[in-house]
Amino acid sequence: MTSILTRPGRGPAVTVRRAVAGDARKLTRLVRGSRAYEGPYAPMVAAYRVGPDYIEAHHVFVAADIADGRVLGFYALLLAPPELDLMFVANDAQGRGIGRLLVAHMRAQAAAAGLDHVRVVAHPPAEGFYRSMGAVRTGTAAAQPPAVAWDRPELVFPLTPPG
């Protein structure tokens, strides 16, 4: 499934495609450079790596500028158990609908795989975004120091599988 977002007057057209091993460095830079993880959140992503092996093992999709192929964001969907493991949008691409496009694509992929929900353990500042996209708060994932030093909201995207 390929999705295309056309934003006349608001930036380039965007396509969502399956990530390939060659995207690994770009995705790693996107994670490590995320402004959402500045300050006290920085240690969580400072050494994070999205490797080719991760891309090959999971359903990883990128949103890319159709004109130049630049990666504007990505997500990783795990099927068992169903979870949105990663989702990042480039700092300079935020506010352009990329996150919404990725969530819609993820939901369609998950439903096509026969899932009835997708769990998200969210970065605390992202909870409002996920809720605006239809996720429902189900609890709190406790901190796991030293990797994650803060509690995180746990949410679920309810889905209706096709058929």
N, C-alpha and C. Protein backbone atom coordinates (compact mmCIF):
# COMPACT_ATOMS: atom_id res chain seq x y z
N MET A 1 0.84 -1.18 0.00
CA MET A 1 0.00 0.00 0.00
C MET A 1 0.88 1.24 0.00
N THR A 2 0.67 2.11 -0.95
CA THR A 2 1.38 3.38 -1.01
C THR A 2 0.36 4.48 -0.82
N SER A 3 0.68 5.44 0.04
CA SER A 3 -0.18 6.58 0.26
C SER A 3 0.51 7.82 -0.27
N ILE A 4 -0.25 8.72 -0.84
CA ILE A 4 0.31 9.97 -1.32
C ILE A 4 -0.47 11.12 -0.71
N LEU A 5 0.24 12.05 -0.15
CA LEU A 5 -0.35 13.25 0.44
C LEU A 5 0.07 14.42 -0.43
N THR A 6 -0.87 15.11 -1.02
CA THR A 6 -0.56 16.29 -1.80
C THR A 6 -1.00 17.49 -0.99
N ARG A 7 -0.08 18.43 -0.80
CA ARG A 7 -0.33 19.62 0.02
C ARG A 7 -0.11 20.87 -0.83
N PRO A 8 -1.02 21.21 -1.73
CA PRO A 8 -0.83 22.38 -2.59
C PRO A 8 -0.54 23.62 -1.74
N GLY A 9 0.54 24.31 -2.09
CA GLY A 9 0.89 25.55 -1.40
C GLY A 9 1.48 25.34 -0.02
N ARG A 10 1.58 24.11 0.47
CA ARG A 10 2.07 23.87 1.83
C ARG A 10 3.25 22.91 1.83
N GLY A 11 3.93 22.81 0.74
CA GLY A 11 5.08 21.92 0.71
C GLY A 11 4.90 20.82 -0.32
N PRO A 12 5.89 19.96 -0.40
CA PRO A 12 5.91 18.93 -1.44
C PRO A 12 4.90 17.81 -1.21
N ALA A 13 4.61 17.11 -2.29
CA ALA A 13 3.81 15.90 -2.18
C ALA A 13 4.66 14.83 -1.52
N VAL A 14 4.00 13.97 -0.76
CA VAL A 14 4.68 12.97 0.04
C VAL A 14 4.12 11.60 -0.28
N THR A 15 4.99 10.60 -0.31
CA THR A 15 4.56 9.22 -0.48
C THR A 15 5.02 8.41 0.72
N VAL A 16 4.29 7.36 1.03
CA VAL A 16 4.70 6.44 2.09
C VAL A 16 5.10 5.14 1.40
N ARG A 17 6.32 4.70 1.71
CA ARG A 17 6.85 3.48 1.10
C ARG A 17 7.49 2.62 2.18
N ARG A 18 7.69 1.35 1.86
CA ARG A 18 8.37 0.44 2.76
C ARG A 18 9.82 0.87 2.90
N ALA A 19 10.33 0.90 4.11
CA ALA A 19 11.74 1.24 4.33
C ALA A 19 12.61 0.12 3.81
N VAL A 20 13.82 0.47 3.40
CA VAL A 20 14.82 -0.51 2.96
C VAL A 20 16.06 -0.34 3.84
N ALA A 21 16.92 -1.34 3.81
CA ALA A 21 18.12 -1.31 4.66
C ALA A 21 18.93 -0.03 4.46
N GLY A 22 18.96 0.49 3.25
CA GLY A 22 19.70 1.71 2.96
C GLY A 22 19.15 2.95 3.65
N ASP A 23 17.95 2.86 4.22
CA ASP A 23 17.36 3.99 4.95
C ASP A 23 17.84 4.05 6.40
N ALA A 24 18.54 3.04 6.87
CA ALA A 24 18.86 2.92 8.30
C ALA A 24 19.55 4.16 8.86
N ARG A 25 20.56 4.67 8.20
CA ARG A 25 21.27 5.85 8.72
C ARG A 25 20.37 7.06 8.79
N LYS A 26 19.54 7.26 7.78
CA LYS A 26 18.63 8.40 7.77
C LYS A 26 17.65 8.31 8.94
N LEU A 27 17.12 7.12 9.18
CA LEU A 27 16.16 6.94 10.26
C LEU A 27 16.84 7.14 11.61
N THR A 28 18.05 6.66 11.75
CA THR A 28 18.80 6.85 12.99
C THR A 28 19.04 8.34 13.23
N ARG A 29 19.43 9.08 12.20
CA ARG A 29 19.65 10.53 12.36
C ARG A 29 18.35 11.23 12.75
N LEU A 30 17.25 10.80 12.15
CA LEU A 30 15.97 11.41 12.47
C LEU A 30 15.63 11.21 13.95
N VAL A 31 15.84 10.00 14.47
CA VAL A 31 15.56 9.71 15.88
C VAL A 31 16.48 10.54 16.78
N ARG A 32 17.76 10.46 16.55
CA ARG A 32 18.73 11.15 17.42
C ARG A 32 18.61 12.66 17.37
N GLY A 33 18.15 13.20 16.24
CA GLY A 33 18.04 14.66 16.10
C GLY A 33 16.69 15.23 16.47
N SER A 34 15.78 14.39 16.94
CA SER A 34 14.41 14.84 17.24
C SER A 34 14.39 15.87 18.37
N ARG A 35 13.81 17.03 18.09
CA ARG A 35 13.66 18.06 19.13
C ARG A 35 12.73 17.60 20.25
N ALA A 36 11.89 16.63 19.98
CA ALA A 36 10.99 16.11 21.01
C ALA A 36 11.76 15.42 22.13
N TYR A 37 13.01 15.08 21.86
CA TYR A 37 13.82 14.38 22.85
C TYR A 37 14.97 15.23 23.37
N GLU A 38 14.76 16.53 23.43
CA GLU A 38 15.77 17.42 24.01
C GLU A 38 15.63 17.42 25.53
N GLY A 39 16.60 18.01 26.19
CA GLY A 39 16.54 18.15 27.64
C GLY A 39 16.59 16.82 28.34
N PRO A 40 15.69 16.60 29.30
CA PRO A 40 15.75 15.37 30.10
C PRO A 40 15.49 14.10 29.29
N TYR A 41 14.88 14.23 28.12
CA TYR A 41 14.59 13.06 27.29
C TYR A 41 15.77 12.64 26.40
N ALA A 42 16.77 13.50 26.26
CA ALA A 42 17.88 13.27 25.34
C ALA A 42 18.60 11.93 25.55
N PRO A 43 18.86 11.50 26.80
CA PRO A 43 19.61 10.24 26.96
C PRO A 43 18.92 9.03 26.32
N MET A 44 17.60 9.06 26.19
CA MET A 44 16.90 7.91 25.65
C MET A 44 17.26 7.65 24.18
N VAL A 45 17.53 8.71 23.42
CA VAL A 45 17.79 8.52 21.99
C VAL A 45 19.24 8.80 21.59
N ALA A 46 20.07 9.22 22.52
CA ALA A 46 21.44 9.64 22.20
C ALA A 46 22.22 8.55 21.47
N ALA A 47 22.05 7.31 21.85
CA ALA A 47 22.78 6.22 21.22
C ALA A 47 21.85 5.29 20.43
N TYR A 48 20.61 5.70 20.21
CA TYR A 48 19.64 4.86 19.53
C TYR A 48 20.07 4.62 18.09
N ARG A 49 19.85 3.41 17.63
CA ARG A 49 20.21 3.05 16.26
C ARG A 49 19.06 2.26 15.63
N VAL A 50 18.65 2.69 14.45
CA VAL A 50 17.71 1.93 13.64
C VAL A 50 18.57 1.22 12.59
N GLY A 51 18.79 -0.06 12.79
CA GLY A 51 19.69 -0.80 11.90
C GLY A 51 18.96 -1.48 10.76
N PRO A 52 19.72 -1.88 9.75
CA PRO A 52 19.14 -2.62 8.63
C PRO A 52 18.42 -3.88 9.09
N ASP A 53 18.93 -4.53 10.13
CA ASP A 53 18.30 -5.74 10.64
C ASP A 53 16.91 -5.44 11.22
N TYR A 54 16.78 -4.31 11.90
CA TYR A 54 15.48 -3.90 12.45
C TYR A 54 14.50 -3.65 11.31
N ILE A 55 14.96 -2.94 10.29
CA ILE A 55 14.10 -2.62 9.14
C ILE A 55 13.63 -3.89 8.45
N GLU A 56 14.51 -4.86 8.31
CA GLU A 56 14.15 -6.12 7.65
C GLU A 56 13.22 -6.97 8.50
N ALA A 57 13.33 -6.87 9.83
CA ALA A 57 12.54 -7.73 10.72
C ALA A 57 11.14 -7.19 11.01
N HIS A 58 10.91 -5.90 10.76
CA HIS A 58 9.64 -5.28 11.14
C HIS A 58 9.01 -4.54 9.96
N HIS A 59 7.80 -4.13 10.16
CA HIS A 59 7.07 -3.36 9.15
C HIS A 59 7.40 -1.89 9.36
N VAL A 60 8.45 -1.43 8.68
CA VAL A 60 8.92 -0.06 8.81
C VAL A 60 8.60 0.66 7.51
N PHE A 61 7.95 1.81 7.63
CA PHE A 61 7.55 2.61 6.48
C PHE A 61 8.04 4.03 6.64
N VAL A 62 8.45 4.64 5.54
CA VAL A 62 8.91 6.02 5.56
C VAL A 62 7.99 6.90 4.74
N ALA A 63 7.85 8.14 5.19
CA ALA A 63 7.19 9.18 4.40
C ALA A 63 8.31 9.93 3.71
N ALA A 64 8.25 10.02 2.40
CA ALA A 64 9.33 10.65 1.63
C ALA A 64 8.76 11.69 0.68
N ASP A 65 9.53 12.74 0.48
CA ASP A 65 9.21 13.79 -0.48
C ASP A 65 9.26 13.15 -1.87
N ILE A 66 8.20 13.26 -2.64
CA ILE A 66 8.15 12.65 -3.96
C ILE A 66 9.21 13.25 -4.89
N ALA A 67 9.45 14.53 -4.78
CA ALA A 67 10.37 15.20 -5.69
C ALA A 67 11.83 14.79 -5.49
N ASP A 68 12.28 14.73 -4.23
CA ASP A 68 13.71 14.47 -4.01
C ASP A 68 14.00 13.24 -3.16
N GLY A 69 12.95 12.55 -2.71
CA GLY A 69 13.14 11.33 -1.94
C GLY A 69 13.54 11.53 -0.48
N ARG A 70 13.63 12.78 -0.03
CA ARG A 70 14.05 13.05 1.35
C ARG A 70 13.08 12.41 2.33
N VAL A 71 13.62 11.72 3.33
CA VAL A 71 12.80 11.08 4.35
C VAL A 71 12.30 12.15 5.32
N LEU A 72 10.97 12.24 5.43
CA LEU A 72 10.33 13.24 6.28
C LEU A 72 9.83 12.65 7.59
N GLY A 73 9.72 11.34 7.66
CA GLY A 73 9.26 10.67 8.87
C GLY A 73 9.18 9.17 8.63
N PHE A 74 8.92 8.43 9.71
CA PHE A 74 8.79 6.99 9.58
C PHE A 74 8.06 6.42 10.79
N TYR A 75 7.61 5.18 10.63
CA TYR A 75 7.05 4.43 11.75
C TYR A 75 7.44 2.97 11.62
N ALA A 76 7.37 2.27 12.76
CA ALA A 76 7.63 0.83 12.79
C ALA A 76 6.45 0.16 13.48
N LEU A 77 5.83 -0.77 12.79
CA LEU A 77 4.69 -1.53 13.32
C LEU A 77 5.15 -2.95 13.62
N LEU A 78 4.96 -3.36 14.86
CA LEU A 78 5.21 -4.74 15.26
C LEU A 78 3.87 -5.46 15.23
N LEU A 79 3.84 -6.67 14.69
CA LEU A 79 2.57 -7.39 14.57
C LEU A 79 2.26 -8.29 15.75
N ALA A 80 3.28 -8.81 16.44
CA ALA A 80 3.03 -9.75 17.53
C ALA A 80 3.98 -9.46 18.70
N PRO A 81 3.48 -8.88 19.74
CA PRO A 81 2.15 -8.30 19.90
C PRO A 81 2.04 -6.99 19.12
N PRO A 82 0.82 -6.60 18.75
CA PRO A 82 0.64 -5.41 17.93
C PRO A 82 1.03 -4.14 18.67
N GLU A 83 2.04 -3.44 18.11
CA GLU A 83 2.51 -2.22 18.76
C GLU A 83 3.14 -1.28 17.74
N LEU A 84 2.86 0.00 17.90
CA LEU A 84 3.56 1.04 17.16
C LEU A 84 4.84 1.28 17.95
N ASP A 85 5.95 0.73 17.46
CA ASP A 85 7.20 0.73 18.21
C ASP A 85 7.93 2.07 18.09
N LEU A 86 7.95 2.63 16.90
CA LEU A 86 8.62 3.90 16.66
C LEU A 86 7.77 4.75 15.73
N MET A 87 7.78 6.06 15.95
CA MET A 87 7.21 7.00 14.99
C MET A 87 7.89 8.34 15.21
N PHE A 88 8.50 8.84 14.14
CA PHE A 88 9.20 10.11 14.19
C PHE A 88 8.91 10.90 12.93
N VAL A 89 8.82 12.21 13.08
CA VAL A 89 8.68 13.13 11.95
C VAL A 89 9.84 14.12 12.06
N ALA A 90 10.49 14.38 10.93
CA ALA A 90 11.61 15.32 10.91
C ALA A 90 11.18 16.66 11.50
N ASN A 91 12.07 17.29 12.24
CA ASN A 91 11.76 18.56 12.89
C ASN A 91 11.19 19.59 11.92
N ASP A 92 11.80 19.73 10.74
CA ASP A 92 11.36 20.75 9.79
C ASP A 92 10.12 20.32 9.00
N ALA A 93 9.64 19.12 9.21
CA ALA A 93 8.45 18.64 8.50
C ALA A 93 7.23 18.60 9.41
N GLN A 94 7.39 18.92 10.68
CA GLN A 94 6.26 18.86 11.60
C GLN A 94 5.25 19.96 11.28
N GLY A 95 3.99 19.65 11.50
CA GLY A 95 2.91 20.60 11.21
C GLY A 95 2.44 20.56 9.77
N ARG A 96 2.93 19.62 8.98
CA ARG A 96 2.55 19.51 7.57
C ARG A 96 1.67 18.31 7.28
N GLY A 97 1.23 17.60 8.31
CA GLY A 97 0.35 16.45 8.09
C GLY A 97 1.09 15.13 7.92
N ILE A 98 2.40 15.12 8.09
CA ILE A 98 3.18 13.89 7.90
C ILE A 98 2.82 12.86 8.97
N GLY A 99 2.73 13.30 10.22
CA GLY A 99 2.36 12.39 11.30
C GLY A 99 0.98 11.79 11.09
N ARG A 100 0.05 12.60 10.67
CA ARG A 100 -1.31 12.11 10.41
C ARG A 100 -1.30 11.09 9.27
N LEU A 101 -0.52 11.37 8.23
CA LEU A 101 -0.41 10.44 7.11
C LEU A 101 0.18 9.11 7.58
N LEU A 102 1.22 9.17 8.41
CA LEU A 102 1.85 7.95 8.90
C LEU A 102 0.91 7.14 9.78
N VAL A 103 0.17 7.81 10.65
CA VAL A 103 -0.78 7.08 11.51
C VAL A 103 -1.88 6.44 10.66
N ALA A 104 -2.41 7.15 9.70
CA ALA A 104 -3.45 6.57 8.84
C ALA A 104 -2.89 5.36 8.08
N HIS A 105 -1.68 5.47 7.60
CA HIS A 105 -1.05 4.36 6.89
C HIS A 105 -0.85 3.17 7.83
N MET A 106 -0.36 3.45 9.03
CA MET A 106 -0.13 2.39 10.02
C MET A 106 -1.44 1.67 10.36
N ARG A 107 -2.49 2.44 10.56
CA ARG A 107 -3.79 1.83 10.88
C ARG A 107 -4.27 0.93 9.74
N ALA A 108 -4.09 1.38 8.51
CA ALA A 108 -4.50 0.57 7.35
C ALA A 108 -3.66 -0.70 7.26
N GLN A 109 -2.36 -0.59 7.49
CA GLN A 109 -1.49 -1.77 7.47
C GLN A 109 -1.89 -2.77 8.56
N ALA A 110 -2.14 -2.24 9.75
CA ALA A 110 -2.51 -3.11 10.88
C ALA A 110 -3.84 -3.80 10.62
N ALA A 111 -4.82 -3.07 10.12
CA ALA A 111 -6.12 -3.67 9.83
C ALA A 111 -5.99 -4.73 8.74
N ALA A 112 -5.18 -4.44 7.71
CA ALA A 112 -4.98 -5.42 6.63
C ALA A 112 -4.30 -6.69 7.15
N ALA A 113 -3.51 -6.56 8.21
CA ALA A 113 -2.85 -7.73 8.81
C ALA A 113 -3.78 -8.48 9.76
N GLY A 114 -5.04 -7.99 9.89
CA GLY A 114 -6.02 -8.67 10.73
C GLY A 114 -5.98 -8.27 12.20
N LEU A 115 -5.26 -7.22 12.52
CA LEU A 115 -5.19 -6.78 13.92
C LEU A 115 -6.45 -6.03 14.31
N ASP A 116 -6.83 -6.12 15.59
CA ASP A 116 -7.99 -5.37 16.05
C ASP A 116 -7.60 -4.17 16.91
N HIS A 117 -6.30 -4.04 17.19
CA HIS A 117 -5.79 -2.89 17.94
C HIS A 117 -4.28 -2.78 17.74
N VAL A 118 -3.76 -1.60 18.05
CA VAL A 118 -2.31 -1.39 18.06
C VAL A 118 -2.00 -0.58 19.32
N ARG A 119 -1.11 -1.13 20.13
CA ARG A 119 -0.68 -0.49 21.38
C ARG A 119 0.42 0.54 21.07
N VAL A 120 0.41 1.62 21.85
CA VAL A 120 1.46 2.64 21.75
C VAL A 120 1.88 3.00 23.17
N VAL A 121 3.17 2.86 23.45
CA VAL A 121 3.73 3.41 24.68
C VAL A 121 4.39 4.70 24.22
N ALA A 122 3.76 5.82 24.54
CA ALA A 122 4.11 7.09 23.91
C ALA A 122 5.14 7.89 24.69
N HIS A 123 5.88 8.68 23.96
CA HIS A 123 6.70 9.73 24.53
C HIS A 123 5.71 10.72 25.16
N PRO A 124 5.86 11.09 26.42
CA PRO A 124 4.83 11.91 27.07
C PRO A 124 4.35 13.13 26.28
N PRO A 125 5.24 13.92 25.64
CA PRO A 125 4.72 15.05 24.87
C PRO A 125 3.90 14.66 23.64
N ALA A 126 3.96 13.40 23.20
CA ALA A 126 3.22 12.97 22.01
C ALA A 126 1.83 12.44 22.33
N GLU A 127 1.49 12.31 23.59
CA GLU A 127 0.19 11.73 23.94
C GLU A 127 -0.97 12.48 23.29
N GLY A 128 -0.96 13.79 23.32
CA GLY A 128 -2.05 14.58 22.73
C GLY A 128 -2.22 14.30 21.25
N PHE A 129 -1.10 14.16 20.54
CA PHE A 129 -1.18 13.85 19.11
C PHE A 129 -1.85 12.51 18.89
N TYR A 130 -1.39 11.48 19.60
CA TYR A 130 -1.98 10.15 19.42
C TYR A 130 -3.47 10.14 19.78
N ARG A 131 -3.83 10.83 20.82
CA ARG A 131 -5.26 10.90 21.19
C ARG A 131 -6.06 11.62 20.12
N SER A 132 -5.48 12.66 19.52
CA SER A 132 -6.20 13.36 18.44
C SER A 132 -6.37 12.48 17.21
N MET A 133 -5.56 11.43 17.11
CA MET A 133 -5.63 10.50 15.99
C MET A 133 -6.50 9.28 16.30
N GLY A 134 -7.15 9.27 17.46
CA GLY A 134 -8.07 8.19 17.79
C GLY A 134 -7.59 7.18 18.80
N ALA A 135 -6.37 7.34 19.30
CA ALA A 135 -5.88 6.42 20.33
C ALA A 135 -6.56 6.72 21.66
N VAL A 136 -6.74 5.69 22.46
CA VAL A 136 -7.41 5.79 23.75
C VAL A 136 -6.40 5.43 24.84
N ARG A 137 -6.31 6.27 25.84
CA ARG A 137 -5.38 5.99 26.95
C ARG A 137 -5.86 4.79 27.74
N THR A 138 -4.95 3.84 27.99
CA THR A 138 -5.31 2.63 28.72
C THR A 138 -4.54 2.49 30.02
N GLY A 139 -3.51 3.30 30.22
CA GLY A 139 -2.74 3.19 31.45
C GLY A 139 -1.43 3.93 31.35
N THR A 140 -0.51 3.51 32.20
CA THR A 140 0.80 4.13 32.26
C THR A 140 1.87 3.04 32.29
N ALA A 141 2.87 3.19 31.45
CA ALA A 141 4.02 2.28 31.46
C ALA A 141 5.05 2.88 32.41
N ALA A 142 5.43 2.12 33.42
CA ALA A 142 6.35 2.62 34.44
C ALA A 142 7.74 2.85 33.86
N ALA A 143 8.44 3.80 34.45
CA ALA A 143 9.83 4.08 34.07
C ALA A 143 10.66 2.81 34.19
N GLN A 144 11.69 2.72 33.35
CA GLN A 144 12.61 1.58 33.37
C GLN A 144 14.04 2.10 33.34
N PRO A 145 14.48 2.73 34.44
CA PRO A 145 15.84 3.29 34.46
C PRO A 145 16.87 2.20 34.24
N PRO A 146 17.98 2.49 33.64
CA PRO A 146 18.41 3.82 33.22
C PRO A 146 17.95 4.20 31.81
N ALA A 147 17.43 3.25 31.03
CA ALA A 147 17.06 3.54 29.65
C ALA A 147 15.93 4.57 29.55
N VAL A 148 14.90 4.42 30.35
CA VAL A 148 13.75 5.34 30.34
C VAL A 148 13.51 5.76 31.78
N ALA A 149 13.74 7.03 32.05
CA ALA A 149 13.69 7.53 33.43
C ALA A 149 12.35 8.13 33.81
N TRP A 150 11.33 8.01 32.98
CA TRP A 150 10.04 8.62 33.28
C TRP A 150 8.92 7.67 32.89
N ASP A 151 7.78 7.81 33.56
CA ASP A 151 6.59 7.06 33.20
C ASP A 151 6.09 7.57 31.85
N ARG A 152 5.46 6.66 31.09
CA ARG A 152 4.94 7.02 29.77
C ARG A 152 3.50 6.60 29.63
N PRO A 153 2.71 7.40 28.91
CA PRO A 153 1.32 7.02 28.68
C PRO A 153 1.24 5.80 27.77
N GLU A 154 0.34 4.90 28.12
CA GLU A 154 0.07 3.73 27.28
C GLU A 154 -1.29 3.95 26.65
N LEU A 155 -1.34 3.77 25.32
CA LEU A 155 -2.56 4.01 24.57
C LEU A 155 -2.82 2.84 23.62
N VAL A 156 -4.03 2.79 23.08
CA VAL A 156 -4.39 1.78 22.09
C VAL A 156 -5.17 2.44 20.98
N PHE A 157 -4.79 2.11 19.74
CA PHE A 157 -5.59 2.46 18.57
C PHE A 157 -6.53 1.30 18.32
N PRO A 158 -7.84 1.45 18.54
CA PRO A 158 -8.76 0.37 18.18
C PRO A 158 -8.91 0.32 16.65
N LEU A 159 -8.99 -0.88 16.11
CA LEU A 159 -9.09 -1.06 14.66
C LEU A 159 -10.24 -1.99 14.32
N THR A 160 -10.70 -1.86 13.12
CA THR A 160 -11.69 -2.78 12.58
C THR A 160 -11.04 -3.48 11.41
N PRO A 161 -10.67 -4.77 11.58
CA PRO A 161 -10.04 -5.48 10.46
C PRO A 161 -10.98 -5.56 9.26
N PRO A 162 -10.43 -5.58 8.04
CA PRO A 162 -11.29 -5.67 6.85
C PRO A 162 -11.99 -7.03 6.79
N GLY A 163 -13.13 -7.04 6.13
CA GLY A 163 -13.81 -8.30 5.90
C GLY A 163 -14.95 -8.46 6.79
